[in-house]
Amino acid sequence: MLNSKQRAYLKGLAANIDPTFQIGKGGVNDAQVAQIDDYLRVHELIKIKVLENSMYTSREAADEIAAKIGADVVIVIGSKAVLYKPNPEKPIINLK
């Protein structure tokens, strides 16, 4: 669980990244969740975009993905969501 200072720091880092994955009308599938988990293992922070034709809201998609892979939802704004999952072996982002 992230505290408010950690969340604010991660929001600042996420402001400079573009969405890496899109959730469309097919919704959240297992292959996509596996790809997001692999991406997070390397980068620790990801921004996803939920398209208008999706049956999910941004919050629903972010919560479902985070629950499946053990990540934290940093923020959800509009159609975008930011997820964080620290790499246990080689952390890149230092949260103190």
Protein backbone atom coordinates (compact mmCIF):
# COMPACT_ATOMS: atom_id res chain seq x y z
CA MET A 1 0.00 0.00 0.00
CA LEU A 2 1.33 3.40 -0.97
CA ASN A 3 1.24 6.40 1.31
CA SER A 4 0.39 9.89 0.04
CA LYS A 5 4.03 11.00 -0.40
CA GLN A 6 4.91 7.90 -2.38
CA ARG A 7 1.78 8.27 -4.50
CA ALA A 8 2.62 11.94 -5.22
CA TYR A 9 6.18 11.01 -6.20
CA LEU A 10 4.95 8.28 -8.56
CA LYS A 11 2.37 10.63 -10.09
CA GLY A 12 5.18 13.04 -10.89
CA LEU A 13 7.20 10.29 -12.58
CA ALA A 14 4.17 9.09 -14.53
CA ALA A 15 3.42 12.56 -15.90
CA ASN A 16 6.28 12.16 -18.36
CA ILE A 17 5.42 8.73 -19.75
CA ASP A 18 3.02 7.82 -22.54
CA PRO A 19 0.42 5.05 -22.22
CA THR A 20 2.07 1.72 -22.99
CA PHE A 21 -1.02 -0.50 -23.16
CA GLN A 22 -4.59 0.06 -24.30
CA ILE A 23 -7.70 -1.70 -23.06
CA GLY A 24 -10.28 -1.92 -25.83
CA LYS A 25 -13.61 -3.56 -26.46
CA GLY A 26 -12.13 -6.99 -25.74
CA GLY A 27 -11.60 -5.95 -22.14
CA VAL A 28 -8.84 -7.24 -19.88
CA ASN A 29 -7.59 -10.65 -20.97
CA ASP A 30 -4.98 -12.95 -19.43
CA ALA A 31 -2.42 -12.42 -22.20
CA GLN A 32 -2.59 -8.66 -21.76
CA VAL A 33 -2.29 -8.98 -17.97
CA ALA A 34 0.82 -11.17 -18.43
CA GLN A 35 2.37 -8.58 -20.76
CA ILE A 36 1.66 -5.79 -18.28
CA ASP A 37 3.20 -7.85 -15.47
CA ASP A 38 6.34 -8.47 -17.56
CA TYR A 39 6.57 -4.76 -18.40
CA LEU A 40 6.21 -3.81 -14.74
CA ARG A 41 8.95 -6.25 -13.74
CA VAL A 42 11.37 -4.18 -15.84
CA HIS A 43 9.99 -0.64 -15.55
CA GLU A 44 7.98 -0.73 -12.27
CA LEU A 45 5.63 2.05 -13.46
CA ILE A 46 3.14 1.88 -16.32
CA LYS A 47 0.42 4.05 -17.77
CA ILE A 48 -2.52 2.36 -19.47
CA LYS A 49 -5.31 3.87 -21.52
CA VAL A 50 -8.87 2.57 -21.62
CA LEU A 51 -10.51 3.24 -24.96
CA GLU A 52 -14.04 4.62 -25.21
CA ASN A 53 -15.36 1.42 -26.81
CA SER A 54 -14.26 -0.66 -23.82
CA MET A 55 -16.84 -2.20 -21.53
CA TYR A 56 -14.64 -1.20 -18.57
CA THR A 57 -14.17 2.15 -16.92
CA SER A 58 -10.58 3.18 -16.26
CA ARG A 59 -11.00 2.45 -12.55
CA GLU A 60 -12.46 -1.01 -13.16
CA ALA A 61 -9.69 -1.98 -15.58
CA ALA A 62 -6.94 -0.66 -13.31
CA ASP A 63 -8.37 -2.40 -10.24
CA GLU A 64 -8.77 -5.71 -12.06
CA ILE A 65 -5.24 -5.68 -13.50
CA ALA A 66 -3.72 -4.59 -10.18
CA ALA A 67 -5.55 -7.36 -8.32
CA LYS A 68 -4.38 -10.02 -10.77
CA ILE A 69 -0.69 -9.06 -10.66
CA GLY A 70 -0.33 -7.60 -7.17
CA ALA A 71 0.31 -4.02 -8.28
CA ASP A 72 -0.80 -0.72 -6.76
CA VAL A 73 -3.07 1.72 -8.59
CA VAL A 74 -1.31 5.07 -8.29
CA ILE A 75 -3.93 7.26 -9.96
CA VAL A 76 -6.84 7.11 -12.38
CA ILE A 77 -7.64 10.25 -14.36
CA GLY A 78 -10.09 10.20 -17.23
CA SER A 79 -9.28 7.33 -19.56
CA LYS A 80 -5.78 6.75 -18.15
CA ALA A 81 -4.50 4.83 -15.14
CA VAL A 82 -1.05 4.45 -13.62
CA LEU A 83 0.08 1.22 -11.97
CA TYR A 84 3.16 0.56 -9.83
CA LYS A 85 4.75 -2.73 -8.87
CA PRO A 86 8.26 -2.78 -7.39
CA ASN A 87 10.82 -5.23 -8.70
CA PRO A 88 11.84 -7.30 -5.65
CA GLU A 89 15.28 -8.16 -7.07
CA LYS A 90 16.48 -4.92 -8.69
CA PRO A 91 14.30 -1.96 -7.70
CA ILE A 92 14.55 1.01 -10.06
CA ILE A 93 12.30 3.47 -8.27
CA ASN A 94 13.38 4.28 -4.71
CA LEU A 95 10.38 4.90 -2.46
CA LYS A 96 11.24 5.86 1.09
